[in-house]
Amino acid sequence: MSYIKGLFQGIGSLATGLKVTFREFFTPKVTEQYPENRATLRMYDRFCGELTMPHDAEGRNRCIACGLCQANCPNGTIRLTTETVTDPETGKTRKRLVRYEYDLGSCMFCHLCVNSCPTGAIRFSQKFEHAVFTREKLVKQLNR
């Protein structure tokens, strides 16, 4: 009796799997013909390509050199170099960003750096072509 019951359970699970397989077999497929369609290729809005730091027309960015992005990065792909400067008008000291380095080769694209930035100074672009011959070319300086 248990043999027959097990046989019917196996057939039921096989039918469930085949139902999913046949449903996916008849759904329309979406295949991008890359690189032939490079001019018309549109990436999804949530795609993370590489980290960028937007600058305004005068070449300034919104980074305040707080270091939260560097502290929240689990791989250590972000390295900030800062210096302390004194404001001549108020006499207060503040940090100034000297160099913002980003290692694309070890980035997990987890968005922790972008989410932790209090000023929104960094964001991910949708650029996705990163083929290089050496890993040193994947280390980018984001500030100008």
N, C-alpha and C. Protein backbone atom coordinates (compact mmCIF):
# COMPACT_ATOMS: atom_id res chain seq x y z
N MET A 1 0.81 -1.20 0.00
CA MET A 1 0.00 0.00 0.00
C MET A 1 0.86 1.27 0.00
N SER A 2 1.97 1.27 0.77
CA SER A 2 2.83 2.46 0.82
C SER A 2 3.58 2.64 -0.50
N TYR A 3 3.82 1.51 -1.21
CA TYR A 3 4.49 1.61 -2.51
C TYR A 3 3.61 2.36 -3.51
N ILE A 4 2.36 2.06 -3.55
CA ILE A 4 1.41 2.70 -4.47
C ILE A 4 1.26 4.18 -4.09
N LYS A 5 1.18 4.47 -2.80
CA LYS A 5 1.05 5.86 -2.34
C LYS A 5 2.29 6.67 -2.74
N GLY A 6 3.48 6.10 -2.57
CA GLY A 6 4.72 6.77 -2.97
C GLY A 6 4.80 6.97 -4.46
N LEU A 7 4.28 6.00 -5.22
CA LEU A 7 4.27 6.12 -6.68
C LEU A 7 3.39 7.28 -7.13
N PHE A 8 2.23 7.43 -6.53
CA PHE A 8 1.34 8.54 -6.89
C PHE A 8 1.90 9.89 -6.46
N GLN A 9 2.58 9.94 -5.32
CA GLN A 9 3.23 11.19 -4.90
C GLN A 9 4.34 11.57 -5.87
N GLY A 10 5.10 10.61 -6.33
CA GLY A 10 6.16 10.87 -7.31
C GLY A 10 5.60 11.37 -8.63
N ILE A 11 4.52 10.76 -9.08
CA ILE A 11 3.89 11.20 -10.32
C ILE A 11 3.31 12.60 -10.16
N GLY A 12 2.75 12.90 -8.98
CA GLY A 12 2.22 14.25 -8.72
C GLY A 12 3.30 15.31 -8.74
N SER A 13 4.45 15.01 -8.12
CA SER A 13 5.53 16.00 -8.12
C SER A 13 6.14 16.14 -9.52
N LEU A 14 6.19 15.07 -10.28
CA LEU A 14 6.66 15.15 -11.67
C LEU A 14 5.72 16.01 -12.51
N ALA A 15 4.41 15.86 -12.29
CA ALA A 15 3.44 16.67 -13.04
C ALA A 15 3.57 18.15 -12.68
N THR A 16 3.83 18.45 -11.40
CA THR A 16 4.03 19.84 -10.99
C THR A 16 5.25 20.44 -11.68
N GLY A 17 6.34 19.71 -11.71
CA GLY A 17 7.54 20.20 -12.38
C GLY A 17 7.34 20.38 -13.87
N LEU A 18 6.65 19.45 -14.51
CA LEU A 18 6.40 19.57 -15.95
C LEU A 18 5.47 20.73 -16.27
N LYS A 19 4.54 21.03 -15.35
CA LYS A 19 3.65 22.17 -15.56
C LYS A 19 4.44 23.47 -15.60
N VAL A 20 5.39 23.62 -14.68
CA VAL A 20 6.24 24.82 -14.66
C VAL A 20 7.11 24.87 -15.91
N THR A 21 7.65 23.74 -16.32
CA THR A 21 8.51 23.69 -17.50
C THR A 21 7.75 24.07 -18.76
N PHE A 22 6.55 23.52 -18.94
CA PHE A 22 5.78 23.83 -20.14
C PHE A 22 5.29 25.27 -20.15
N ARG A 23 4.99 25.83 -18.99
CA ARG A 23 4.58 27.23 -18.93
C ARG A 23 5.73 28.14 -19.36
N GLU A 24 6.94 27.87 -18.90
CA GLU A 24 8.10 28.67 -19.30
C GLU A 24 8.48 28.43 -20.76
N PHE A 25 8.18 27.26 -21.28
CA PHE A 25 8.51 26.96 -22.67
C PHE A 25 7.72 27.83 -23.64
N PHE A 26 6.50 28.18 -23.27
CA PHE A 26 5.65 28.95 -24.18
C PHE A 26 5.63 30.46 -23.89
N THR A 27 6.33 30.93 -22.88
CA THR A 27 6.40 32.38 -22.65
C THR A 27 7.38 32.98 -23.65
N PRO A 28 7.15 34.23 -24.09
CA PRO A 28 8.07 34.84 -25.06
C PRO A 28 9.44 35.12 -24.42
N LYS A 29 10.47 34.89 -25.15
CA LYS A 29 11.84 35.07 -24.67
C LYS A 29 12.35 36.45 -25.04
N VAL A 30 13.19 37.01 -24.18
CA VAL A 30 13.81 38.31 -24.43
C VAL A 30 15.31 38.09 -24.47
N THR A 31 15.88 38.21 -25.66
CA THR A 31 17.31 38.02 -25.83
C THR A 31 17.88 39.28 -26.46
N GLU A 32 18.89 39.84 -25.79
CA GLU A 32 19.57 41.02 -26.33
C GLU A 32 20.70 40.56 -27.23
N GLN A 33 20.76 41.05 -28.44
CA GLN A 33 21.79 40.68 -29.40
C GLN A 33 22.98 41.63 -29.26
N TYR A 34 23.69 41.50 -28.15
CA TYR A 34 24.84 42.35 -27.88
C TYR A 34 26.06 41.75 -28.56
N PRO A 35 26.91 42.46 -29.19
CA PRO A 35 27.10 43.89 -29.33
C PRO A 35 26.46 44.49 -30.57
N GLU A 36 25.68 43.71 -31.32
CA GLU A 36 25.07 44.25 -32.54
C GLU A 36 24.09 45.38 -32.24
N ASN A 37 23.39 45.32 -31.11
CA ASN A 37 22.40 46.35 -30.78
C ASN A 37 22.94 47.35 -29.77
N ARG A 38 24.22 47.60 -29.78
CA ARG A 38 24.85 48.49 -28.80
C ARG A 38 24.24 49.90 -28.83
N ALA A 39 23.84 50.39 -29.99
CA ALA A 39 23.30 51.75 -30.10
C ALA A 39 21.90 51.87 -29.49
N THR A 40 21.13 50.80 -29.51
CA THR A 40 19.76 50.87 -29.01
C THR A 40 19.57 50.15 -27.68
N LEU A 41 20.64 49.64 -27.10
CA LEU A 41 20.53 48.87 -25.87
C LEU A 41 20.15 49.78 -24.71
N ARG A 42 19.14 49.38 -23.96
CA ARG A 42 18.65 50.15 -22.81
C ARG A 42 18.75 49.26 -21.58
N MET A 43 19.49 49.72 -20.58
CA MET A 43 19.64 48.95 -19.34
C MET A 43 18.47 49.27 -18.41
N TYR A 44 18.21 48.39 -17.49
CA TYR A 44 17.16 48.60 -16.51
C TYR A 44 17.56 49.71 -15.54
N ASP A 45 16.57 50.37 -14.94
CA ASP A 45 16.85 51.50 -14.05
C ASP A 45 17.63 51.08 -12.82
N ARG A 46 17.44 49.88 -12.34
CA ARG A 46 18.10 49.42 -11.12
C ARG A 46 19.48 48.82 -11.38
N PHE A 47 19.94 48.83 -12.62
CA PHE A 47 21.23 48.25 -12.95
C PHE A 47 22.35 49.11 -12.38
N CYS A 48 23.34 48.47 -11.77
CA CYS A 48 24.50 49.17 -11.21
C CYS A 48 25.71 48.89 -12.08
N GLY A 49 26.17 49.89 -12.79
CA GLY A 49 27.31 49.71 -13.68
C GLY A 49 28.62 50.05 -13.04
N GLU A 50 28.84 51.29 -12.70
CA GLU A 50 30.04 51.71 -12.00
C GLU A 50 29.72 52.94 -11.17
N LEU A 51 30.51 53.16 -10.15
CA LEU A 51 30.29 54.30 -9.25
C LEU A 51 30.76 55.59 -9.92
N THR A 52 29.96 56.63 -9.84
CA THR A 52 30.33 57.93 -10.40
C THR A 52 30.12 59.01 -9.36
N MET A 53 30.81 60.12 -9.55
CA MET A 53 30.66 61.28 -8.70
C MET A 53 30.32 62.47 -9.60
N PRO A 54 29.04 62.85 -9.69
CA PRO A 54 28.67 63.95 -10.58
C PRO A 54 29.28 65.27 -10.13
N HIS A 55 29.68 66.07 -11.10
CA HIS A 55 30.24 67.40 -10.86
C HIS A 55 29.35 68.44 -11.53
N ASP A 56 29.33 69.64 -10.97
CA ASP A 56 28.55 70.71 -11.60
C ASP A 56 29.38 71.36 -12.70
N ALA A 57 28.87 72.43 -13.27
CA ALA A 57 29.55 73.09 -14.40
C ALA A 57 30.89 73.69 -14.00
N GLU A 58 31.06 74.01 -12.73
CA GLU A 58 32.32 74.60 -12.27
C GLU A 58 33.31 73.55 -11.78
N GLY A 59 32.97 72.28 -11.89
CA GLY A 59 33.88 71.21 -11.50
C GLY A 59 33.83 70.83 -10.04
N ARG A 60 32.82 71.26 -9.32
CA ARG A 60 32.70 70.93 -7.90
C ARG A 60 31.76 69.74 -7.72
N ASN A 61 32.05 68.93 -6.73
CA ASN A 61 31.16 67.84 -6.38
C ASN A 61 30.54 68.11 -5.01
N ARG A 62 29.62 67.25 -4.59
CA ARG A 62 28.93 67.48 -3.33
C ARG A 62 29.52 66.68 -2.18
N CYS A 63 30.66 66.07 -2.37
CA CYS A 63 31.28 65.25 -1.32
C CYS A 63 31.83 66.15 -0.21
N ILE A 64 31.52 65.79 1.02
CA ILE A 64 32.01 66.55 2.18
C ILE A 64 33.12 65.82 2.90
N ALA A 65 33.61 64.71 2.32
CA ALA A 65 34.72 63.92 2.84
C ALA A 65 34.44 63.39 4.24
N CYS A 66 33.22 62.93 4.47
CA CYS A 66 32.87 62.39 5.78
C CYS A 66 33.40 60.98 5.99
N GLY A 67 33.60 60.22 4.92
CA GLY A 67 34.17 58.89 5.03
C GLY A 67 33.16 57.79 5.30
N LEU A 68 31.86 58.10 5.25
CA LEU A 68 30.86 57.06 5.50
C LEU A 68 30.84 56.02 4.40
N CYS A 69 31.05 56.43 3.17
CA CYS A 69 31.07 55.46 2.07
C CYS A 69 32.23 54.49 2.22
N GLN A 70 33.37 55.00 2.63
CA GLN A 70 34.55 54.16 2.84
C GLN A 70 34.33 53.22 4.02
N ALA A 71 33.70 53.69 5.07
CA ALA A 71 33.46 52.86 6.25
C ALA A 71 32.42 51.77 5.99
N ASN A 72 31.43 52.05 5.15
CA ASN A 72 30.36 51.09 4.89
C ASN A 72 30.68 50.11 3.79
N CYS A 73 31.74 50.31 3.05
CA CYS A 73 32.09 49.40 1.95
C CYS A 73 32.65 48.10 2.53
N PRO A 74 31.99 46.96 2.27
CA PRO A 74 32.47 45.71 2.87
C PRO A 74 33.77 45.19 2.27
N ASN A 75 34.12 45.56 1.06
CA ASN A 75 35.34 45.08 0.41
C ASN A 75 36.51 46.05 0.49
N GLY A 76 36.27 47.25 0.94
CA GLY A 76 37.33 48.25 0.96
C GLY A 76 37.67 48.76 -0.43
N THR A 77 36.69 48.88 -1.29
CA THR A 77 36.95 49.32 -2.66
C THR A 77 37.07 50.83 -2.77
N ILE A 78 36.67 51.56 -1.74
CA ILE A 78 36.72 53.03 -1.77
C ILE A 78 37.81 53.49 -0.82
N ARG A 79 38.67 54.37 -1.32
CA ARG A 79 39.72 54.97 -0.48
C ARG A 79 39.65 56.49 -0.62
N LEU A 80 39.48 57.15 0.51
CA LEU A 80 39.44 58.61 0.52
C LEU A 80 40.76 59.15 1.05
N THR A 81 41.23 60.19 0.42
CA THR A 81 42.37 60.95 0.93
C THR A 81 41.86 62.35 1.20
N THR A 82 41.95 62.78 2.46
CA THR A 82 41.42 64.08 2.85
C THR A 82 42.51 64.92 3.50
N GLU A 83 42.22 66.18 3.62
CA GLU A 83 43.09 67.09 4.36
C GLU A 83 42.21 68.04 5.15
N THR A 84 42.74 68.53 6.24
CA THR A 84 42.01 69.46 7.09
C THR A 84 42.39 70.88 6.70
N VAL A 85 41.39 71.69 6.41
CA VAL A 85 41.63 73.08 6.05
C VAL A 85 40.86 73.98 7.01
N THR A 86 41.34 75.20 7.17
CA THR A 86 40.69 76.18 8.04
C THR A 86 39.99 77.21 7.17
N ASP A 87 38.72 77.44 7.45
CA ASP A 87 37.95 78.43 6.71
C ASP A 87 38.40 79.82 7.18
N PRO A 88 38.88 80.70 6.27
CA PRO A 88 39.39 82.01 6.70
C PRO A 88 38.31 82.94 7.25
N GLU A 89 37.06 82.75 6.81
CA GLU A 89 35.99 83.64 7.27
C GLU A 89 35.52 83.30 8.67
N THR A 90 35.32 82.01 8.94
CA THR A 90 34.78 81.60 10.23
C THR A 90 35.83 81.09 11.19
N GLY A 91 36.96 80.65 10.68
CA GLY A 91 38.02 80.12 11.53
C GLY A 91 37.80 78.66 11.92
N LYS A 92 36.77 78.03 11.38
CA LYS A 92 36.49 76.63 11.68
C LYS A 92 37.29 75.72 10.75
N THR A 93 37.63 74.55 11.28
CA THR A 93 38.34 73.58 10.46
C THR A 93 37.33 72.57 9.89
N ARG A 94 37.63 72.11 8.70
CA ARG A 94 36.77 71.11 8.06
C ARG A 94 37.65 70.24 7.17
N LYS A 95 37.10 69.09 6.80
CA LYS A 95 37.82 68.20 5.90
C LYS A 95 37.56 68.60 4.46
N ARG A 96 38.58 68.39 3.63
CA ARG A 96 38.45 68.64 2.20
C ARG A 96 38.93 67.40 1.47
N LEU A 97 38.19 67.01 0.46
CA LEU A 97 38.52 65.82 -0.32
C LEU A 97 39.69 66.12 -1.25
N VAL A 98 40.72 65.29 -1.16
CA VAL A 98 41.87 65.43 -2.04
C VAL A 98 41.79 64.39 -3.15
N ARG A 99 41.51 63.14 -2.79
CA ARG A 99 41.47 62.06 -3.78
C ARG A 99 40.40 61.05 -3.39
N TYR A 100 39.58 60.66 -4.34
CA TYR A 100 38.53 59.66 -4.14
C TYR A 100 38.80 58.53 -5.12
N GLU A 101 39.31 57.41 -4.63
CA GLU A 101 39.65 56.27 -5.47
C GLU A 101 38.62 55.17 -5.31
N TYR A 102 38.27 54.54 -6.42
CA TYR A 102 37.26 53.48 -6.46
C TYR A 102 37.82 52.33 -7.27
N ASP A 103 37.85 51.13 -6.67
CA ASP A 103 38.36 49.95 -7.35
C ASP A 103 37.17 49.15 -7.89
N LEU A 104 36.91 49.29 -9.16
CA LEU A 104 35.79 48.62 -9.80
C LEU A 104 35.95 47.11 -9.81
N GLY A 105 37.17 46.63 -9.83
CA GLY A 105 37.42 45.20 -9.90
C GLY A 105 37.03 44.44 -8.66
N SER A 106 36.97 45.08 -7.51
CA SER A 106 36.60 44.38 -6.28
C SER A 106 35.26 44.84 -5.72
N CYS A 107 34.53 45.64 -6.46
CA CYS A 107 33.23 46.14 -6.01
C CYS A 107 32.17 45.04 -6.12
N MET A 108 31.30 44.93 -5.11
CA MET A 108 30.20 43.96 -5.12
C MET A 108 28.91 44.58 -5.63
N PHE A 109 28.89 45.88 -5.87
CA PHE A 109 27.71 46.60 -6.33
C PHE A 109 26.55 46.44 -5.33
N CYS A 110 26.86 46.56 -4.06
CA CYS A 110 25.87 46.34 -3.01
C CYS A 110 25.07 47.60 -2.67
N HIS A 111 25.51 48.75 -3.13
CA HIS A 111 24.82 50.03 -2.92
C HIS A 111 24.95 50.58 -1.50
N LEU A 112 25.75 49.98 -0.64
CA LEU A 112 25.88 50.48 0.72
C LEU A 112 26.55 51.85 0.75
N CYS A 113 27.48 52.09 -0.15
CA CYS A 113 28.15 53.40 -0.19
C CYS A 113 27.18 54.49 -0.64
N VAL A 114 26.38 54.20 -1.64
CA VAL A 114 25.43 55.19 -2.15
C VAL A 114 24.35 55.48 -1.12
N ASN A 115 23.87 54.44 -0.46
CA ASN A 115 22.81 54.63 0.54
C ASN A 115 23.31 55.37 1.77
N SER A 116 24.59 55.25 2.11
CA SER A 116 25.09 55.89 3.33
C SER A 116 25.54 57.33 3.09
N CYS A 117 25.68 57.77 1.86
CA CYS A 117 26.16 59.12 1.58
C CYS A 117 25.11 60.16 2.00
N PRO A 118 25.44 61.06 2.92
CA PRO A 118 24.44 62.01 3.39
C PRO A 118 24.11 63.12 2.39
N THR A 119 25.00 63.37 1.44
CA THR A 119 24.77 64.45 0.49
C THR A 119 24.39 63.96 -0.90
N GLY A 120 24.39 62.66 -1.13
CA GLY A 120 24.08 62.13 -2.45
C GLY A 120 25.16 62.44 -3.46
N ALA A 121 26.41 62.44 -3.03
CA ALA A 121 27.52 62.83 -3.89
C ALA A 121 27.94 61.74 -4.86
N ILE A 122 27.59 60.49 -4.57
CA ILE A 122 27.97 59.39 -5.45
C ILE A 122 26.73 58.62 -5.86
N ARG A 123 26.80 58.00 -7.02
CA ARG A 123 25.70 57.16 -7.49
C ARG A 123 26.25 56.18 -8.53
N PHE A 124 25.47 55.17 -8.83
CA PHE A 124 25.87 54.20 -9.84
C PHE A 124 25.34 54.62 -11.20
N SER A 125 26.21 54.53 -12.20
CA SER A 125 25.80 54.81 -13.57
C SER A 125 25.36 53.51 -14.23
N GLN A 126 24.93 53.59 -15.46
CA GLN A 126 24.51 52.39 -16.17
C GLN A 126 25.53 51.96 -17.21
N LYS A 127 26.75 52.45 -17.09
CA LYS A 127 27.82 52.03 -17.98
C LYS A 127 28.22 50.60 -17.60
N PHE A 128 28.30 49.72 -18.59
CA PHE A 128 28.53 48.32 -18.27
C PHE A 128 29.72 47.70 -18.99
N GLU A 129 30.35 48.39 -19.88
CA GLU A 129 31.50 47.82 -20.59
C GLU A 129 32.78 48.17 -19.84
N HIS A 130 33.34 47.16 -19.17
CA HIS A 130 34.51 47.39 -18.32
C HIS A 130 35.67 46.47 -18.67
N ALA A 131 35.73 45.98 -19.88
CA ALA A 131 36.80 45.06 -20.26
C ALA A 131 38.12 45.81 -20.40
N VAL A 132 39.11 45.39 -19.63
CA VAL A 132 40.46 45.96 -19.68
C VAL A 132 41.46 44.81 -19.63
N PHE A 133 42.69 45.09 -19.98
CA PHE A 133 43.71 44.05 -19.98
C PHE A 133 44.42 43.92 -18.64
N THR A 134 44.45 44.98 -17.85
CA THR A 134 45.10 44.92 -16.53
C THR A 134 44.14 45.42 -15.46
N ARG A 135 44.28 44.87 -14.27
CA ARG A 135 43.40 45.25 -13.16
C ARG A 135 43.67 46.67 -12.67
N GLU A 136 44.85 47.20 -12.94
CA GLU A 136 45.18 48.55 -12.49
C GLU A 136 44.29 49.60 -13.17
N LYS A 137 43.80 49.28 -14.36
CA LYS A 137 42.93 50.22 -15.06
C LYS A 137 41.52 50.26 -14.47
N LEU A 138 41.20 49.32 -13.60
CA LEU A 138 39.89 49.32 -12.95
C LEU A 138 39.85 50.22 -11.71
N VAL A 139 41.00 50.71 -11.26
CA VAL A 139 41.04 51.65 -10.15
C VAL A 139 40.86 53.04 -10.74
N LYS A 140 39.78 53.70 -10.36
CA LYS A 140 39.43 54.99 -10.96
C LYS A 140 39.42 56.08 -9.90
N GLN A 141 39.82 57.27 -10.31
CA GLN A 141 39.72 58.45 -9.44
C GLN A 141 38.46 59.20 -9.83
N LEU A 142 37.54 59.34 -8.89
CA LEU A 142 36.23 59.92 -9.22
C LEU A 142 36.23 61.44 -9.14
N ASN A 143 36.99 62.04 -8.22
CA ASN A 143 37.00 63.51 -8.17
C ASN A 143 37.99 64.04 -9.18
N ARG A 144 37.71 65.22 -9.70
CA ARG A 144 38.58 65.79 -10.75
C ARG A 144 39.68 66.63 -10.15
